N, C-alpha and C. Protein backbone atom coordinates (compact mmCIF):
# COMPACT_ATOMS: atom_id res chain seq x y z
N MET A 1 73.82 97.93 106.48
CA MET A 1 74.94 98.04 105.94
C MET A 1 75.41 99.47 106.06
N SER A 2 76.80 99.42 105.97
CA SER A 2 77.68 100.74 106.46
C SER A 2 78.03 101.24 105.09
N GLN A 3 79.12 102.19 105.03
CA GLN A 3 79.42 102.94 104.06
C GLN A 3 80.22 101.86 103.10
N PRO A 4 79.91 101.33 101.76
CA PRO A 4 80.79 100.81 101.09
C PRO A 4 82.19 101.60 100.49
N LEU A 5 83.35 100.88 100.74
CA LEU A 5 84.33 101.48 100.31
C LEU A 5 84.99 100.97 98.84
N ALA A 6 84.72 99.72 98.50
CA ALA A 6 85.37 99.02 97.44
C ALA A 6 84.21 97.88 97.01
N MET A 7 84.46 97.01 95.83
CA MET A 7 83.90 96.16 95.63
C MET A 7 84.83 95.20 94.68
N ILE A 8 84.90 93.91 95.40
CA ILE A 8 85.75 92.75 94.39
C ILE A 8 84.61 91.68 93.89
N GLY A 9 84.26 91.60 92.76
CA GLY A 9 83.31 90.70 92.39
C GLY A 9 81.89 90.90 93.29
N GLU A 10 81.71 89.79 94.11
CA GLU A 10 80.55 89.85 95.09
C GLU A 10 80.91 90.39 96.42
N ALA A 11 82.20 90.55 96.86
CA ALA A 11 82.73 90.96 98.01
C ALA A 11 82.54 92.48 98.21
N ILE A 12 81.79 93.00 99.17
CA ILE A 12 81.62 94.32 99.31
C ILE A 12 82.27 94.59 100.48
N LEU A 13 83.56 95.69 100.35
CA LEU A 13 84.43 95.92 101.47
C LEU A 13 83.82 97.32 102.10
N GLU A 14 83.71 97.50 103.14
CA GLU A 14 82.97 98.53 103.99
C GLU A 14 83.62 99.09 105.35
N VAL A 15 83.19 100.34 105.50
CA VAL A 15 83.72 100.88 106.76
C VAL A 15 83.32 99.81 108.07
N ILE A 16 82.20 99.11 108.15
CA ILE A 16 81.84 98.35 109.44
C ILE A 16 81.66 96.91 108.39
N GLY A 17 82.49 95.99 108.69
CA GLY A 17 82.46 94.84 108.27
C GLY A 17 83.74 94.31 107.89
N LEU A 18 84.02 94.21 106.77
CA LEU A 18 85.50 93.80 106.16
C LEU A 18 86.04 95.16 105.66
N ASN A 19 86.67 95.62 106.32
CA ASN A 19 87.43 96.89 106.20
C ASN A 19 88.56 97.23 105.46
N PRO A 20 89.00 97.67 104.58
CA PRO A 20 90.18 98.09 104.00
C PRO A 20 90.99 98.68 104.83
N GLN A 21 91.96 98.48 105.06
CA GLN A 21 93.15 99.00 106.14
C GLN A 21 94.30 99.43 105.19
N GLY A 22 94.61 99.18 104.00
CA GLY A 22 95.68 99.49 103.00
C GLY A 22 95.55 98.96 101.93
N ILE A 23 96.08 99.67 100.79
CA ILE A 23 96.05 99.16 99.31
C ILE A 23 97.49 99.39 98.72
N ASP A 24 98.20 98.42 98.54
CA ASP A 24 99.47 98.46 97.84
C ASP A 24 99.36 98.13 96.25
N GLU A 25 99.86 98.87 95.52
CA GLU A 25 100.05 98.58 93.98
C GLU A 25 101.65 98.35 93.76
N ASP A 26 101.66 97.21 92.58
CA ASP A 26 102.87 96.84 92.32
C ASP A 26 102.73 96.80 90.54
N GLY A 27 103.78 96.99 89.76
CA GLY A 27 103.77 96.67 88.47
C GLY A 27 105.10 96.67 87.99
N SER A 28 105.31 96.15 86.64
CA SER A 28 106.67 96.22 85.94
C SER A 28 106.53 96.15 84.43
N ALA A 29 107.66 96.08 83.86
CA ALA A 29 107.60 96.22 82.46
C ALA A 29 108.93 95.45 81.90
N THR A 30 108.73 94.91 80.88
CA THR A 30 109.60 94.23 80.37
C THR A 30 110.67 95.01 79.31
N TRP A 31 111.86 94.94 79.52
CA TRP A 31 112.80 95.88 78.69
C TRP A 31 114.08 94.82 78.39
N ALA A 32 114.18 94.78 76.80
CA ALA A 32 115.23 93.92 76.31
C ALA A 32 116.54 94.67 76.05
N GLY A 33 117.48 94.30 76.65
CA GLY A 33 118.83 95.20 76.28
C GLY A 33 119.86 94.29 75.16
N LEU A 34 120.37 95.24 74.43
CA LEU A 34 121.48 94.72 73.49
C LEU A 34 122.58 95.64 73.42
N PRO A 35 123.83 95.25 73.82
CA PRO A 35 125.10 96.33 73.59
C PRO A 35 125.37 96.39 72.16
N VAL A 36 125.31 97.78 71.61
CA VAL A 36 125.64 98.28 70.49
C VAL A 36 127.00 99.25 70.34
N PHE A 37 127.45 99.16 69.33
CA PHE A 37 128.65 100.09 68.97
C PHE A 37 129.68 99.99 70.01
N ASP A 38 129.67 101.17 70.80
CA ASP A 38 130.63 101.54 71.85
C ASP A 38 130.26 100.87 73.38
N ASP A 39 129.40 99.67 73.22
CA ASP A 39 129.23 98.93 74.48
C ASP A 39 127.98 99.65 75.38
N ASP A 40 127.41 100.62 74.83
CA ASP A 40 126.32 101.16 75.13
C ASP A 40 125.09 100.47 74.83
N VAL A 41 124.24 100.07 75.98
CA VAL A 41 123.35 99.12 75.67
C VAL A 41 122.08 99.92 75.20
N PHE A 42 121.38 99.41 74.10
CA PHE A 42 120.42 99.67 73.49
C PHE A 42 119.12 99.22 74.10
N TRP A 43 118.14 99.95 74.80
CA TRP A 43 117.23 99.28 75.48
C TRP A 43 115.78 99.40 74.58
N GLN A 44 115.01 98.17 74.62
CA GLN A 44 113.70 98.35 73.94
C GLN A 44 112.63 97.72 74.66
N PRO A 45 111.38 98.59 74.88
CA PRO A 45 110.35 98.17 75.75
C PRO A 45 109.66 96.67 75.10
N THR A 46 109.59 95.77 75.70
CA THR A 46 108.96 94.59 74.72
C THR A 46 107.77 94.16 75.18
N ALA A 47 107.37 94.16 76.35
CA ALA A 47 105.86 94.01 77.04
C ALA A 47 105.56 94.50 78.14
N GLY A 48 104.33 94.59 78.67
CA GLY A 48 103.89 94.93 79.85
C GLY A 48 104.03 93.98 81.07
N GLY A 49 104.45 94.17 82.32
CA GLY A 49 104.69 93.07 83.10
C GLY A 49 103.60 92.98 84.11
N GLU A 50 103.52 92.14 84.91
CA GLU A 50 102.51 91.70 85.62
C GLU A 50 102.19 93.20 86.95
N LYS A 51 100.99 93.43 86.79
CA LYS A 51 100.37 94.32 87.65
C LYS A 51 99.72 93.54 88.84
N THR A 52 99.86 94.10 89.90
CA THR A 52 99.20 93.51 91.28
C THR A 52 98.84 94.57 92.04
N ILE A 53 97.59 94.24 92.97
CA ILE A 53 96.97 95.20 93.98
C ILE A 53 96.94 94.26 95.26
N THR A 54 97.44 94.62 96.28
CA THR A 54 97.42 93.95 97.39
C THR A 54 96.59 94.71 98.41
N LEU A 55 95.64 94.06 98.98
CA LEU A 55 94.49 94.87 100.12
C LEU A 55 95.01 94.23 101.26
N ARG A 56 95.15 95.01 102.48
CA ARG A 56 94.98 94.69 103.68
C ARG A 56 93.87 95.01 104.13
N LEU A 57 93.16 94.09 104.89
CA LEU A 57 91.70 94.01 105.23
C LEU A 57 91.52 93.75 106.86
N ALA A 58 90.63 94.17 107.48
CA ALA A 58 90.30 93.72 108.93
C ALA A 58 88.72 93.55 109.24
N CYS A 59 88.71 93.20 110.16
CA CYS A 59 87.24 92.89 110.58
C CYS A 59 86.92 92.42 111.98
N ARG A 60 86.09 92.71 112.74
CA ARG A 60 85.81 92.05 113.99
C ARG A 60 84.42 91.46 113.83
N PRO A 61 84.37 90.13 113.61
CA PRO A 61 83.34 89.40 113.44
C PRO A 61 82.28 89.41 114.32
N HIS A 62 82.67 89.62 115.85
CA HIS A 62 81.72 89.51 116.84
C HIS A 62 80.88 90.74 116.73
N VAL A 63 81.37 91.74 116.08
CA VAL A 63 80.53 93.15 116.32
C VAL A 63 79.80 93.14 114.78
N MET A 64 80.20 93.40 113.77
CA MET A 64 79.46 93.59 112.57
C MET A 64 79.64 92.53 111.60
N GLY A 65 80.16 91.65 111.67
CA GLY A 65 80.38 90.47 110.57
C GLY A 65 81.78 90.92 109.86
N GLY A 66 81.52 90.58 108.51
CA GLY A 66 82.73 90.64 107.68
C GLY A 66 83.15 89.47 107.06
N LEU A 67 82.97 88.26 107.78
CA LEU A 67 83.05 86.72 107.17
C LEU A 67 82.41 86.54 106.26
N ASP A 68 81.23 86.92 105.75
CA ASP A 68 80.71 86.66 104.51
C ASP A 68 81.49 87.16 103.25
N GLN A 69 82.06 88.38 103.60
CA GLN A 69 82.66 89.19 102.57
C GLN A 69 84.13 88.28 102.15
N TYR A 70 84.64 87.79 103.42
CA TYR A 70 85.61 86.81 103.13
C TYR A 70 85.52 85.73 102.44
N GLU A 71 84.47 85.08 102.74
CA GLU A 71 83.92 83.71 101.94
C GLU A 71 83.94 84.15 100.26
N ALA A 72 83.17 85.48 100.19
CA ALA A 72 82.68 85.78 98.68
C ALA A 72 84.41 85.86 98.09
N LEU A 73 85.28 86.61 98.60
CA LEU A 73 86.58 86.58 98.02
C LEU A 73 87.15 85.09 97.84
N LYS A 74 87.06 84.25 98.71
CA LYS A 74 87.43 82.92 98.55
C LYS A 74 86.92 82.20 97.47
N ARG A 75 85.64 82.63 97.23
CA ARG A 75 84.74 81.96 96.01
C ARG A 75 85.33 82.48 94.77
N ALA A 76 85.56 83.41 94.74
CA ALA A 76 86.09 84.32 93.78
C ALA A 76 87.63 83.59 93.26
N ARG A 77 88.39 83.52 94.25
CA ARG A 77 89.79 82.82 94.06
C ARG A 77 89.69 81.39 93.37
N ASP A 78 88.60 80.80 94.34
CA ASP A 78 88.51 79.23 93.86
C ASP A 78 87.95 79.01 92.59
N ALA A 79 87.28 80.14 92.05
CA ALA A 79 86.47 80.11 90.46
C ALA A 79 87.34 80.37 89.64
N ARG A 80 88.72 81.00 89.96
CA ARG A 80 89.58 81.43 89.03
C ARG A 80 88.93 81.83 87.75
N GLU A 81 87.96 82.96 87.92
CA GLU A 81 87.44 83.84 86.89
C GLU A 81 87.34 85.14 87.29
N PRO A 82 87.76 85.98 86.27
CA PRO A 82 87.84 87.58 86.33
C PRO A 82 86.73 88.26 87.02
N VAL A 83 86.86 89.10 87.74
CA VAL A 83 85.64 89.85 88.44
C VAL A 83 86.23 91.29 88.17
N ASP A 84 85.06 92.15 88.45
CA ASP A 84 85.40 93.35 88.48
C ASP A 84 85.77 94.32 89.98
N PHE A 85 86.66 95.04 89.67
CA PHE A 85 87.23 95.78 90.98
C PHE A 85 86.83 97.19 90.78
N ILE A 86 86.03 97.72 91.82
CA ILE A 86 85.10 98.73 91.71
C ILE A 86 85.64 99.46 93.08
N ARG A 87 86.21 100.94 93.13
CA ARG A 87 86.72 101.49 94.43
C ARG A 87 86.08 102.84 94.57
N MET A 88 85.41 103.18 95.77
CA MET A 88 85.04 104.46 95.84
C MET A 88 86.10 105.35 96.25
N ILE A 89 85.98 106.48 95.42
CA ILE A 89 86.99 107.69 95.72
C ILE A 89 86.18 108.80 95.70
N GLY A 90 86.23 109.43 97.00
CA GLY A 90 85.30 110.53 97.15
C GLY A 90 83.74 110.15 97.35
N SER A 91 83.03 110.92 96.63
CA SER A 91 81.77 110.49 96.60
C SER A 91 81.42 109.77 95.06
N SER A 92 82.21 109.45 94.40
CA SER A 92 82.03 108.64 93.30
C SER A 92 82.66 107.34 93.02
N ALA A 93 82.20 106.22 92.24
CA ALA A 93 82.85 105.07 92.34
C ALA A 93 83.56 104.99 91.16
N GLU A 94 84.79 104.61 90.85
CA GLU A 94 85.69 104.40 89.92
C GLU A 94 86.03 102.79 89.46
N TYR A 95 85.71 102.49 88.46
CA TYR A 95 86.00 101.35 88.07
C TYR A 95 87.47 100.92 87.71
N GLN A 96 88.11 100.21 88.68
CA GLN A 96 89.39 99.84 88.28
C GLN A 96 90.08 98.92 87.36
N GLY A 97 88.92 98.08 86.84
CA GLY A 97 89.34 97.06 85.68
C GLY A 97 88.82 95.77 86.23
N ARG A 98 89.35 94.66 85.48
CA ARG A 98 88.93 93.12 85.56
C ARG A 98 90.41 92.86 86.29
N VAL A 99 90.09 91.97 87.56
CA VAL A 99 91.14 91.65 88.25
C VAL A 99 90.89 89.80 88.50
N GLY A 100 91.79 89.17 88.78
CA GLY A 100 91.80 87.79 89.27
C GLY A 100 92.25 87.74 90.70
N VAL A 101 91.58 87.32 91.63
CA VAL A 101 91.83 87.11 92.88
C VAL A 101 92.95 85.82 93.06
N ARG A 102 94.31 86.05 93.09
CA ARG A 102 95.21 85.25 93.22
C ARG A 102 95.37 84.76 94.74
N ARG A 103 95.24 85.56 95.71
CA ARG A 103 95.60 84.92 96.82
C ARG A 103 94.60 85.72 97.89
N VAL A 104 94.27 84.90 98.98
CA VAL A 104 93.39 85.39 100.01
C VAL A 104 94.09 84.68 101.39
N GLY A 105 94.31 85.51 102.43
CA GLY A 105 94.95 84.99 103.78
C GLY A 105 94.20 85.76 104.97
N ARG A 106 94.21 84.77 105.80
CA ARG A 106 93.64 85.47 107.22
C ARG A 106 94.51 84.93 108.35
N GLN A 107 94.47 86.13 109.30
CA GLN A 107 95.02 85.70 110.50
C GLN A 107 93.90 86.18 111.78
N GLU A 108 93.74 85.47 112.59
CA GLU A 108 92.96 85.56 113.65
C GLU A 108 93.88 86.01 114.97
N ARG A 109 93.16 87.05 115.66
CA ARG A 109 93.89 87.46 116.82
C ARG A 109 93.11 87.40 117.81
N LYS A 110 93.39 87.32 119.37
CA LYS A 110 92.34 87.35 120.40
C LYS A 110 91.47 86.51 120.51
N LEU A 111 91.58 85.29 120.61
CA LEU A 111 90.58 84.36 120.53
C LEU A 111 89.55 84.52 121.65
N ALA A 112 88.27 84.49 121.18
CA ALA A 112 87.08 84.66 122.22
C ALA A 112 86.92 83.41 122.67
N PRO A 113 86.10 83.20 123.69
CA PRO A 113 85.72 81.91 124.35
C PRO A 113 85.23 80.88 123.34
N ASP A 114 84.44 81.44 122.22
CA ASP A 114 83.74 80.49 121.20
C ASP A 114 84.73 80.16 120.27
N GLY A 115 86.14 80.43 120.43
CA GLY A 115 87.29 80.02 119.66
C GLY A 115 87.40 80.60 118.35
N ARG A 116 86.60 81.90 118.22
CA ARG A 116 86.91 82.60 116.92
C ARG A 116 87.56 84.05 117.47
N GLY A 117 88.66 84.39 116.89
CA GLY A 117 89.20 85.71 116.96
C GLY A 117 88.42 86.82 116.95
N TRP A 118 88.62 87.61 118.07
CA TRP A 118 87.96 88.82 118.14
C TRP A 118 88.18 89.75 117.09
N GLN A 119 89.49 89.67 116.59
CA GLN A 119 90.26 90.54 115.60
C GLN A 119 90.76 89.74 114.56
N GLN A 120 90.12 89.90 113.46
CA GLN A 120 90.80 89.26 112.18
C GLN A 120 91.22 90.08 111.01
N GLU A 121 92.64 89.85 110.49
CA GLU A 121 93.16 90.51 109.78
C GLU A 121 93.53 89.45 108.43
N PHE A 122 93.21 90.22 107.14
CA PHE A 122 93.27 89.64 105.80
C PHE A 122 94.29 90.24 105.10
N SER A 123 94.67 89.41 103.88
CA SER A 123 95.40 89.96 102.82
C SER A 123 94.72 89.25 101.75
N CYS A 124 94.68 90.31 100.42
CA CYS A 124 94.00 89.65 99.43
C CYS A 124 94.87 90.32 98.24
N GLU A 125 95.64 89.25 97.42
CA GLU A 125 96.35 90.02 96.22
C GLU A 125 95.62 89.71 95.05
N LEU A 126 95.54 90.80 94.03
CA LEU A 126 94.54 90.84 92.92
C LEU A 126 95.66 91.05 91.85
N ILE A 127 95.54 90.26 90.63
CA ILE A 127 96.45 90.56 89.38
C ILE A 127 95.51 91.01 88.44
N VAL A 128 95.84 92.24 87.89
CA VAL A 128 95.11 92.99 87.17
C VAL A 128 95.18 92.41 85.77
N LEU A 129 94.07 92.32 85.12
CA LEU A 129 94.17 91.58 83.88
C LEU A 129 93.92 92.60 82.78
N GLY A 130 94.55 92.38 81.90
CA GLY A 130 94.81 93.44 80.71
C GLY A 130 93.48 93.60 79.68
N ARG A 131 93.40 94.39 78.86
CA ARG A 131 92.56 94.53 77.92
C ARG A 131 92.02 93.29 77.15
N ASN A 132 92.85 92.41 77.11
CA ASN A 132 92.51 90.85 76.36
C ASN A 132 91.93 90.04 77.18
N SER A 133 91.71 90.18 78.30
CA SER A 133 90.91 89.24 79.32
C SER A 133 89.48 89.53 79.22
N GLU A 134 88.86 88.52 78.56
CA GLU A 134 87.27 88.51 78.38
C GLU A 134 86.68 89.84 77.82
N GLY A 135 87.46 90.62 77.14
CA GLY A 135 86.81 91.85 76.78
C GLY A 135 87.04 92.98 77.59
N GLY A 136 87.62 92.83 78.93
CA GLY A 136 87.63 93.83 79.94
C GLY A 136 88.76 94.58 79.59
N GLY A 137 88.92 95.89 80.08
CA GLY A 137 90.02 96.72 79.76
C GLY A 137 89.93 97.89 80.50
N PHE A 138 91.04 98.73 80.13
CA PHE A 138 91.41 99.90 80.83
C PHE A 138 91.11 100.94 79.64
């Protein structure tokens, strides 16, 4: 086992294996607007919007695997159950919260003679679940 970088449910993302190449975060909020008096709009926050985390991952399965972790991400997606997201920051682990695995995709590059790609790239979209999801929270 090499150095772990993150964990999503049972899937361990590490330096050698299924390796994170980048992480994108996106979020929104809902604001209701109503024109008042001199046509200036009065804005009121009404709800938190969706928050997502998209991971770009890669592995070379002929060298050190990584496909077992990909299968673990697919199991979490297919189970449709919240999982924990833990990320290594420096020398400590930080709990990122409960997430749902919404989407997992794979692209194979440079096919080997056995039919499997030497280089595989993955994308994984997580939806951040709020404090009302199974008691998990921030």
